[in-house]
């Protein structure tokens, strides 16, 4: 029997339950465990089932008490949670000091609970939505990016000095306090002058060098540099310019279009580029609207979420970051290390994602919005079309990864977001997708 249970609200999503179990109940549990142990215990000098209790305690006391504690906690915690309709979202954190003969057993269970809110202010939101406008400049910029992908590099033949936009092939060795550093040394390193991809001040000091020329340059490492023992310090680099190369872009003409099997003419390529820009633009507009919607909903509904939910989302983001780094060519161990270092930086974003997800689910519940089998089938068919696979293949992937519930959650959130959008007061703002490049603007 429970002598006493105290419930304390640590926060709106965390409770601390303090239990006091009567010694009679503890003794009853121990007796039951020793009876079970005694039936199979093999102790020299005693027949199975005939081992005295005091002998059993000599051999099995520690394990028996651990089992009793586990059974008592599981039983009484579950009873209190069910009786008080506590919506636990994770296993409780248990604190207990063990069993003392003749004394009541004390333990606490700290548990995170599902938020309880009456979501409000989700209709008639004042939102602004951009109207997409693709300009000729946007198309030309995208075409130029495609040309960059097919650029070639050639060594500069004439004897001239290194200038901005050139690609310098260099050997360099960095020394801190007169000692060479391995991580600041490289051979045949290609660096585009003016790209600002290196330490600030490094590229500028290479301008004017000629092939085979060597030069010592000094740079001060920025305060936000990864290696903390170098931040803010001066490093002397010994640099040798081995070659100067320039990038040559192909002409944008009918000959260039032959690089693409799917296009018969330059006009076809331009039409495809425009369509791609429109799809990207619409996706961005949709994302921007969704973010503005979430901002408004969070303003209208202040609440806490369990830290376990946030931790789960942070882990998912870390895993996604690691996978992206590996796909980009980074070694797996380095990617794992770097993704872990991003852990704290993901916390605020993860909290926002979790809160938004919870709000959309609450809106769906309030408005009786549901995900049907047809919704799931339609999404899988869309994915099959996008990835040029058949429906059954996509379905098997989801089943193998046990991701059907996650897909349903995503669809439910989208349907709830669509509902909020339908009920919102949306102002259309026409904005050009053209990037402004004013004097002095990067």
Protein backbone atom coordinates (compact mmCIF):
# COMPACT_ATOMS: atom_id res chain seq x y z
CA UNK A 1 0.00 0.00 0.00
CA UNK A 2 1.02 3.62 -0.58
CA UNK A 3 1.26 5.58 2.63
CA UNK A 4 1.53 8.89 0.81
CA UNK A 5 2.05 10.45 -2.63
CA UNK A 6 2.89 14.09 -3.12
CA UNK A 7 2.70 15.82 -6.51
CA UNK A 8 4.72 18.94 -7.23
CA UNK A 9 4.61 20.98 -10.43
CA UNK A 10 8.20 21.85 -11.30
CA UNK A 11 6.98 23.56 -14.48
CA UNK A 12 3.92 23.43 -16.71
CA UNK A 13 5.37 20.32 -18.39
CA UNK A 14 7.23 18.63 -15.52
CA UNK A 15 5.96 17.00 -12.34
CA UNK A 16 7.74 15.49 -9.37
CA UNK A 17 5.93 12.61 -7.69
CA UNK A 18 7.12 11.64 -4.18
CA UNK A 19 6.13 8.16 -2.99
CA UNK A 20 6.20 6.52 0.44
CA UNK A 21 5.48 2.77 0.28
CA UNK A 22 4.56 1.05 3.56
CA UNK A 23 7.03 -1.51 4.84
CA UNK A 24 4.28 -4.15 4.80
CA UNK A 25 3.96 -3.73 1.03
CA UNK A 26 7.74 -3.81 0.61
CA UNK A 27 7.99 -6.98 2.71
CA UNK A 28 5.23 -8.62 0.72
CA UNK A 29 7.09 -7.91 -2.53
CA UNK A 30 10.38 -9.24 -1.13
CA UNK A 31 8.66 -12.40 0.14
CA UNK A 32 7.19 -13.01 -3.31
CA UNK A 33 10.59 -12.61 -4.99
CA UNK A 34 12.36 -14.92 -2.52
CA UNK A 35 9.68 -17.59 -3.08
CA UNK A 36 10.38 -17.48 -6.80
CA UNK A 37 14.15 -17.48 -6.28
CA UNK A 38 13.92 -20.35 -3.79
CA UNK A 39 12.25 -22.64 -6.31
CA UNK A 40 15.22 -22.63 -8.66
CA UNK A 41 18.17 -21.67 -6.42
CA UNK A 42 20.99 -24.21 -6.45
CA UNK A 43 22.98 -23.97 -3.23
CA UNK A 44 25.27 -26.73 -2.06
CA UNK A 45 23.80 -28.73 0.80
CA UNK A 46 20.17 -27.84 0.08
CA UNK A 47 17.55 -29.33 -2.19
CA UNK A 48 15.82 -26.99 -4.69
CA UNK A 49 12.83 -25.35 -3.00
CA UNK A 50 14.11 -26.17 0.49
CA UNK A 51 16.71 -23.39 0.93
CA UNK A 52 16.05 -21.37 4.14
CA UNK A 53 15.24 -17.68 3.71
CA UNK A 54 18.32 -16.49 5.59
CA UNK A 55 20.54 -18.57 3.28
CA UNK A 56 18.80 -17.16 0.21
CA UNK A 57 19.40 -13.65 1.54
CA UNK A 58 23.11 -14.38 1.91
CA UNK A 59 23.35 -15.24 -1.79
CA UNK A 60 20.61 -13.20 -3.49
CA UNK A 61 19.88 -10.20 -1.24
CA UNK A 62 21.23 -7.55 -3.63
CA UNK A 63 19.43 -8.90 -6.68
CA UNK A 64 16.20 -9.55 -4.75
CA UNK A 65 16.09 -5.99 -3.46
CA UNK A 66 16.81 -4.58 -6.94
CA UNK A 67 13.93 -6.62 -8.36
CA UNK A 68 11.63 -5.56 -5.51
CA UNK A 69 12.49 -1.89 -6.02
CA UNK A 70 11.87 -2.18 -9.76
CA UNK A 71 8.51 -3.89 -9.24
CA UNK A 72 7.36 -1.45 -6.56
CA UNK A 73 8.31 1.61 -8.62
CA UNK A 74 6.72 0.28 -11.81
CA UNK A 75 3.50 -0.71 -10.05
CA UNK A 76 2.90 2.37 -7.92
CA UNK A 77 4.12 4.90 -10.47
CA UNK A 78 1.81 3.43 -13.14
CA UNK A 79 -1.17 3.48 -10.73
CA UNK A 80 -0.68 7.14 -9.82
CA UNK A 81 -0.12 8.22 -13.44
CA UNK A 82 -3.31 6.47 -14.56
CA UNK A 83 -5.40 7.63 -11.60
CA UNK A 84 -4.38 11.28 -12.03
CA UNK A 85 -4.46 11.22 -15.85
CA UNK A 86 -0.85 12.38 -16.07
CA UNK A 87 0.14 12.61 -19.76
CA UNK A 88 3.74 11.43 -19.49
CA UNK A 89 5.82 11.82 -22.65
CA UNK A 90 8.96 9.96 -21.52
CA UNK A 91 10.22 7.55 -18.89
CA UNK A 92 10.49 9.20 -15.46
CA UNK A 93 13.76 10.04 -13.74
CA UNK A 94 13.79 7.94 -10.56
CA UNK A 95 15.59 8.79 -7.34
CA UNK A 96 15.65 6.25 -4.50
CA UNK A 97 17.99 5.27 -1.66
CA UNK A 98 17.25 1.56 -1.52
CA UNK A 99 15.42 -0.70 0.94
CA UNK A 100 15.97 -0.57 4.68
CA UNK A 101 14.46 -3.45 6.68
CA UNK A 102 11.44 -2.36 8.72
CA UNK A 103 11.21 1.09 7.11
CA UNK A 104 8.91 2.53 4.48
CA UNK A 105 10.40 2.73 1.00
CA UNK A 106 10.78 6.26 -0.41
CA UNK A 107 11.32 7.25 -4.01
CA UNK A 108 10.63 10.16 -6.33
CA UNK A 109 9.70 10.11 -10.02
CA UNK A 110 10.26 13.26 -12.05
CA UNK A 111 8.32 13.07 -15.28
CA UNK A 112 7.80 15.33 -18.29
CA UNK A 113 4.20 15.75 -19.39
CA UNK A 114 2.42 16.75 -22.55
CA UNK A 115 1.53 20.47 -22.67
CA UNK A 116 -2.12 21.24 -22.09
CA UNK A 117 -3.26 24.35 -23.93
CA UNK A 118 -6.39 25.70 -25.56
CA UNK A 119 -4.83 26.94 -28.78
CA UNK A 120 -6.16 30.36 -29.74
CA UNK A 121 -5.69 33.13 -32.27
CA UNK A 122 -5.19 30.85 -35.27
CA UNK A 123 -7.94 32.27 -37.48
CA UNK A 124 -7.89 35.64 -39.23
CA UNK A 125 -4.13 35.99 -38.91
CA UNK A 126 -2.77 39.08 -40.66
CA UNK A 127 -0.15 37.71 -43.06
CA UNK A 128 1.73 39.02 -46.06
CA UNK A 129 2.49 36.81 -49.03
CA UNK A 130 4.85 37.70 -51.81
CA UNK A 131 3.70 37.46 -55.41
CA UNK A 132 6.38 35.88 -57.51
CA UNK A 133 7.85 37.91 -60.35
CA UNK A 134 10.66 36.40 -62.39
CA UNK A 135 12.74 38.97 -64.28
CA UNK A 136 15.04 38.60 -67.27
CA UNK A 137 17.90 39.39 -64.91
CA UNK A 138 16.95 36.39 -62.76
CA UNK A 139 17.05 34.11 -65.79
CA UNK A 140 20.36 35.55 -67.00
CA UNK A 141 21.88 35.07 -63.55
CA UNK A 142 20.77 31.42 -63.45
CA UNK A 143 22.12 30.84 -66.97
CA UNK A 144 25.42 32.32 -65.88
CA UNK A 145 25.52 29.89 -62.94
CA UNK A 146 25.03 27.03 -65.41
CA UNK A 147 27.86 28.38 -67.56
CA UNK A 148 30.07 28.42 -64.45
CA UNK A 149 29.48 24.68 -64.08
CA UNK A 150 30.93 24.10 -67.55
CA UNK A 151 33.82 26.52 -67.20
CA UNK A 152 37.35 25.44 -68.08
CA UNK A 153 40.64 26.55 -66.57
CA UNK A 154 43.73 27.50 -68.50
CA UNK A 155 47.22 28.51 -67.46
CA UNK A 156 48.02 32.13 -68.21
CA UNK A 157 50.79 32.08 -70.83
CA UNK A 158 51.97 35.65 -70.76
CA UNK A 159 54.24 36.92 -68.03
CA UNK A 160 51.99 39.08 -65.88
CA UNK A 161 51.27 39.66 -62.22
CA UNK A 162 48.53 37.96 -60.23
CA UNK A 163 45.30 39.98 -60.23
CA UNK A 164 41.79 39.79 -58.79
CA UNK A 165 39.62 36.91 -60.11
CA UNK A 166 42.75 34.91 -61.07
CA UNK A 167 43.16 31.41 -59.67
CA UNK A 168 46.50 31.16 -57.88
CA UNK A 169 48.20 27.78 -57.39
CA UNK A 170 50.37 28.21 -54.30
CA UNK A 171 52.51 26.46 -51.73
CA UNK A 172 52.38 28.02 -48.28
CA UNK A 173 53.65 27.45 -44.77
CA UNK A 174 52.29 29.33 -41.75
CA UNK A 175 54.40 30.00 -38.67
CA UNK A 176 53.17 31.09 -35.26
CA UNK A 177 55.86 32.45 -32.95
CA UNK A 178 58.47 31.13 -35.37
CA UNK A 179 57.12 27.56 -35.36
CA UNK A 180 55.56 26.01 -38.47
CA UNK A 181 52.01 24.70 -38.05
CA UNK A 182 50.93 21.61 -40.00
CA UNK A 183 47.33 22.80 -40.33
CA UNK A 184 48.60 26.08 -41.84
CA UNK A 185 50.73 24.39 -44.49
CA UNK A 186 49.75 23.13 -47.94
CA UNK A 187 51.07 22.42 -51.42
CA UNK A 188 49.42 23.04 -54.81
CA UNK A 189 46.56 24.88 -53.12
CA UNK A 190 44.21 26.66 -55.56
CA UNK A 191 42.78 29.97 -54.37
CA UNK A 192 40.66 32.44 -56.30
CA UNK A 193 41.90 35.94 -55.58
CA UNK A 194 39.09 38.13 -54.29
CA UNK A 195 36.90 35.21 -53.21
CA UNK A 196 37.52 35.96 -49.51
CA UNK A 197 37.70 32.23 -48.87
CA UNK A 198 40.92 32.46 -46.90
CA UNK A 199 42.05 34.33 -43.79
CA UNK A 200 41.15 38.06 -44.10
CA UNK A 201 44.07 39.98 -45.57
CA UNK A 202 45.77 36.93 -47.10
CA UNK A 203 44.51 37.16 -50.69
CA UNK A 204 45.08 40.90 -50.97
CA UNK A 205 48.78 40.51 -50.19
CA UNK A 206 49.22 38.01 -53.04
CA UNK A 207 48.10 40.48 -55.69
CA UNK A 208 51.04 41.54 -57.86
CA UNK A 209 53.06 38.35 -57.41
CA UNK A 210 54.51 36.60 -60.48
CA UNK A 211 55.07 32.91 -61.20
CA UNK A 212 57.81 31.27 -59.09
CA UNK A 213 57.94 34.34 -56.83
CA UNK A 214 58.04 33.78 -53.07
CA UNK A 215 56.79 36.22 -50.50
CA UNK A 216 56.29 36.39 -46.73
CA UNK A 217 52.98 37.86 -45.66
CA UNK A 218 51.56 38.51 -42.21
CA UNK A 219 47.91 38.11 -41.27
CA UNK A 220 46.05 38.38 -37.99
CA UNK A 221 43.63 35.53 -37.38
CA UNK A 222 40.04 36.58 -36.57
CA UNK A 223 38.56 36.15 -33.10
CA UNK A 224 35.97 33.63 -34.37
CA UNK A 225 38.55 31.25 -35.87
CA UNK A 226 38.01 27.59 -34.92
CA UNK A 227 41.49 27.01 -33.45
CA UNK A 228 41.34 29.12 -30.29
CA UNK A 229 45.11 29.11 -29.75
CA UNK A 230 45.50 31.11 -32.99
CA UNK A 231 42.65 33.60 -32.66
CA UNK A 232 43.77 37.20 -32.56
CA UNK A 233 47.41 36.27 -33.24
CA UNK A 234 49.74 37.16 -36.09
CA UNK A 235 50.88 34.35 -38.37
CA UNK A 236 53.64 34.70 -40.96
CA UNK A 237 53.02 32.78 -44.18
CA UNK A 238 55.81 31.93 -46.61
CA UNK A 239 54.05 31.74 -49.98
CA UNK A 240 55.31 30.58 -53.38
CA UNK A 241 53.19 31.29 -56.45
CA UNK A 242 53.54 28.23 -58.70
CA UNK A 243 50.98 29.07 -61.37
CA UNK A 244 48.29 31.51 -62.43
CA UNK A 245 45.12 30.16 -64.00
CA UNK A 246 42.02 31.82 -65.37
CA UNK A 247 38.47 30.58 -65.70
CA UNK A 248 37.00 30.55 -69.22
CA UNK A 249 33.22 30.51 -69.55
CA UNK A 250 31.59 28.93 -72.61
CA UNK A 251 29.49 31.09 -74.92
CA UNK A 252 25.76 30.81 -74.32
CA UNK A 253 24.68 29.61 -77.76
CA UNK A 254 23.20 26.64 -79.59
CA UNK A 255 26.55 24.80 -79.34
CA UNK A 256 26.45 25.11 -75.54
CA UNK A 257 22.97 23.54 -75.46
CA UNK A 258 24.45 20.31 -76.84
CA UNK A 259 25.73 19.65 -73.30
CA UNK A 260 22.11 18.81 -72.37
CA UNK A 261 20.28 15.91 -74.01
CA UNK A 262 16.85 17.12 -72.91
CA UNK A 263 17.03 20.46 -74.75
CA UNK A 264 16.91 20.93 -78.49
CA UNK A 265 17.52 24.66 -78.52
CA UNK A 266 18.75 27.58 -76.42
CA UNK A 267 15.14 28.72 -76.11
CA UNK A 268 14.22 25.34 -74.55
CA UNK A 269 17.00 25.79 -71.98
CA UNK A 270 15.79 29.30 -71.11
CA UNK A 271 12.20 28.06 -70.70
CA UNK A 272 13.37 25.30 -68.38
CA UNK A 273 15.44 27.77 -66.35
CA UNK A 274 12.41 30.04 -65.98
CA UNK A 275 10.24 27.12 -64.88
CA UNK A 276 12.88 26.06 -62.34
CA UNK A 277 13.10 29.60 -60.96
CA UNK A 278 9.33 29.74 -60.64
CA UNK A 279 9.24 26.45 -58.72
CA UNK A 280 12.06 27.57 -56.43
CA UNK A 281 10.42 30.94 -55.93
CA UNK A 282 7.02 29.48 -55.11
CA UNK A 283 8.63 27.06 -52.65
CA UNK A 284 10.42 29.94 -50.94
CA UNK A 285 7.24 32.02 -50.79
CA UNK A 286 5.41 29.07 -49.23
CA UNK A 287 8.19 28.59 -46.67
CA UNK A 288 8.26 32.31 -45.84
CA UNK A 289 4.49 32.33 -45.35
CA UNK A 290 4.67 29.24 -43.13
CA UNK A 291 7.41 30.88 -41.01
CA UNK A 292 5.36 34.08 -40.65
CA UNK A 293 2.35 31.97 -39.69
CA UNK A 294 4.33 30.15 -37.01
CA UNK A 295 5.64 33.45 -35.65
CA UNK A 296 2.08 34.72 -35.23
CA UNK A 297 0.85 31.49 -33.66
CA UNK A 298 3.71 31.49 -31.15
CA UNK A 299 2.95 35.11 -30.29
CA UNK A 300 -0.67 34.17 -29.58
CA UNK A 301 0.14 31.00 -27.62
CA UNK A 302 2.86 31.00 -24.99
CA UNK A 303 3.67 27.58 -23.55
CA UNK A 304 6.50 25.23 -22.64
CA UNK A 305 7.37 21.94 -24.31
CA UNK A 306 9.13 18.93 -22.76
CA UNK A 307 12.91 19.04 -23.04
CA UNK A 308 12.85 15.41 -24.23
CA UNK A 309 10.92 16.51 -27.33
CA UNK A 310 13.46 19.24 -28.00
CA UNK A 311 16.36 16.83 -27.48
CA UNK A 312 14.82 14.42 -29.97
CA UNK A 313 14.52 17.21 -32.54
CA UNK A 314 18.09 18.38 -31.89
CA UNK A 315 19.33 14.83 -32.44
CA UNK A 316 17.40 14.65 -35.72
CA UNK A 317 18.97 17.93 -36.86
CA UNK A 318 22.46 16.75 -35.88
CA UNK A 319 21.92 13.52 -37.82
CA UNK A 320 20.72 15.47 -40.84
CA UNK A 321 23.73 17.78 -40.68
CA UNK A 322 26.12 14.82 -40.45
CA UNK A 323 24.52 13.08 -43.42
CA UNK A 324 24.75 16.27 -45.49
CA UNK A 325 28.44 16.69 -44.64
CA UNK A 326 29.18 13.08 -45.59
CA UNK A 327 27.32 13.53 -48.89
CA UNK A 328 29.48 16.59 -49.54
CA UNK A 329 32.62 14.47 -49.16
CA UNK A 330 33.56 14.95 -45.51
CA UNK A 331 34.90 11.84 -43.67
CA UNK A 332 32.25 10.31 -41.42
CA UNK A 333 34.24 10.70 -38.18
CA UNK A 334 34.90 14.38 -38.89
CA UNK A 335 31.26 14.93 -39.85
CA UNK A 336 30.11 13.28 -36.60
CA UNK A 337 32.45 15.46 -34.56
CA UNK A 338 31.38 18.65 -36.31
CA UNK A 339 27.65 17.86 -36.15
CA UNK A 340 27.97 17.24 -32.40
CA UNK A 341 29.62 20.65 -31.98
CA UNK A 342 26.47 22.19 -33.51
CA UNK A 343 24.29 20.69 -30.76
CA UNK A 344 23.79 23.83 -28.65
CA UNK A 345 23.31 25.98 -31.73
CA UNK A 346 20.34 23.84 -32.81
CA UNK A 347 18.47 24.22 -29.51
CA UNK A 348 16.45 27.39 -30.23
CA UNK A 349 15.50 26.27 -33.72
CA UNK A 350 14.55 22.82 -32.42
CA UNK A 351 12.35 24.35 -29.72
CA UNK A 352 10.56 26.44 -32.34
CA UNK A 353 10.01 23.41 -34.59
CA UNK A 354 8.61 21.34 -31.72
CA UNK A 355 6.28 24.12 -30.60
CA UNK A 356 5.02 24.70 -34.15
CA UNK A 357 4.39 20.97 -34.63
CA UNK A 358 2.45 20.78 -31.36
CA UNK A 359 0.34 23.82 -32.26
CA UNK A 360 -0.59 22.44 -35.68
CA UNK A 361 -1.57 19.11 -34.11
CA UNK A 362 -3.74 20.92 -31.54
CA UNK A 363 -5.39 22.97 -34.29
CA UNK A 364 -6.05 19.76 -36.23
CA UNK A 365 -7.63 18.19 -33.14
CA UNK A 366 -9.79 21.25 -32.49
CA UNK A 367 -10.96 21.47 -36.11
CA UNK A 368 -11.37 17.69 -36.59
CA UNK A 369 -8.72 17.64 -39.32
CA UNK A 370 -7.54 14.12 -40.12
CA UNK A 371 -5.13 12.36 -42.46
CA UNK A 372 -6.79 9.75 -44.66
CA UNK A 373 -5.30 6.72 -46.37
CA UNK A 374 -5.78 8.56 -49.66
CA UNK A 375 -3.70 11.49 -48.35
CA UNK A 376 -0.85 9.08 -47.62
CA UNK A 377 -1.22 7.35 -50.97
CA UNK A 378 -1.24 10.68 -52.84
CA UNK A 379 1.94 11.82 -51.08
CA UNK A 380 3.73 8.55 -51.85
CA UNK A 381 2.66 8.78 -55.50
CA UNK A 382 4.03 12.32 -55.63
CA UNK A 383 7.32 11.14 -54.14
CA UNK A 384 7.48 8.28 -56.62
CA UNK A 385 7.03 10.72 -59.48
CA UNK A 386 9.68 13.09 -58.13
CA UNK A 387 12.29 10.38 -57.68
CA UNK A 388 11.34 8.42 -60.82
CA UNK A 389 10.34 5.33 -58.84
CA UNK A 390 7.17 3.29 -58.60
CA UNK A 391 4.65 3.62 -55.77
CA UNK A 392 5.40 0.21 -54.25
CA UNK A 393 9.12 1.00 -53.98
CA UNK A 394 8.42 4.21 -52.05
CA UNK A 395 5.95 2.40 -49.81
CA UNK A 396 8.50 -0.32 -49.01
CA UNK A 397 11.08 2.31 -48.05
CA UNK A 398 8.66 3.90 -45.57
CA UNK A 399 7.68 0.54 -44.15
CA UNK A 400 11.29 -0.63 -43.83
CA UNK A 401 12.23 2.56 -41.97
CA UNK A 402 9.01 2.55 -39.90
CA UNK A 403 8.41 6.09 -41.12
CA UNK A 404 4.67 5.89 -41.89
CA UNK A 405 3.72 7.66 -38.64
CA UNK A 406 6.21 10.44 -39.34
CA UNK A 407 4.73 10.89 -42.81
CA UNK A 408 1.23 11.09 -41.33
CA UNK A 409 2.41 13.69 -38.81
CA UNK A 410 3.89 15.80 -41.62
CA UNK A 411 0.67 15.54 -43.63
CA UNK A 412 -1.45 16.47 -40.60
CA UNK A 413 0.69 19.53 -39.90
CA UNK A 414 0.45 20.59 -43.54
CA UNK A 415 -3.33 20.20 -43.57
CA UNK A 416 -3.58 22.25 -40.38
CA UNK A 417 -1.29 24.92 -41.86
CA UNK A 418 -3.43 24.97 -45.01
CA UNK A 419 -6.50 25.49 -42.82
CA UNK A 420 -4.86 28.43 -41.02
CA UNK A 421 -3.85 29.92 -44.38
CA UNK A 422 -7.39 29.61 -45.71
CA UNK A 423 -8.73 31.45 -42.66
CA UNK A 424 -6.03 34.15 -42.68
CA UNK A 425 -6.22 37.69 -44.04
CA UNK A 426 -3.40 37.62 -46.58
CA UNK A 427 -2.01 40.72 -48.25
CA UNK A 428 -0.27 40.10 -51.57
CA UNK A 429 3.01 41.98 -51.99
CA UNK A 430 4.61 41.97 -55.43
CA UNK A 431 8.37 41.84 -55.14
CA UNK A 432 10.99 41.30 -57.78
CA UNK A 433 13.28 38.32 -57.40
CA UNK A 434 16.07 40.41 -58.90
CA UNK A 435 19.01 40.90 -56.54
CA UNK A 436 19.94 44.48 -55.95
CA UNK A 437 23.61 45.19 -56.35
CA UNK A 438 24.18 48.73 -55.25
CA UNK A 439 27.54 50.34 -54.84
CA UNK A 440 29.30 49.00 -51.80
CA UNK A 441 26.76 46.16 -51.33
CA UNK A 442 28.19 42.66 -51.19
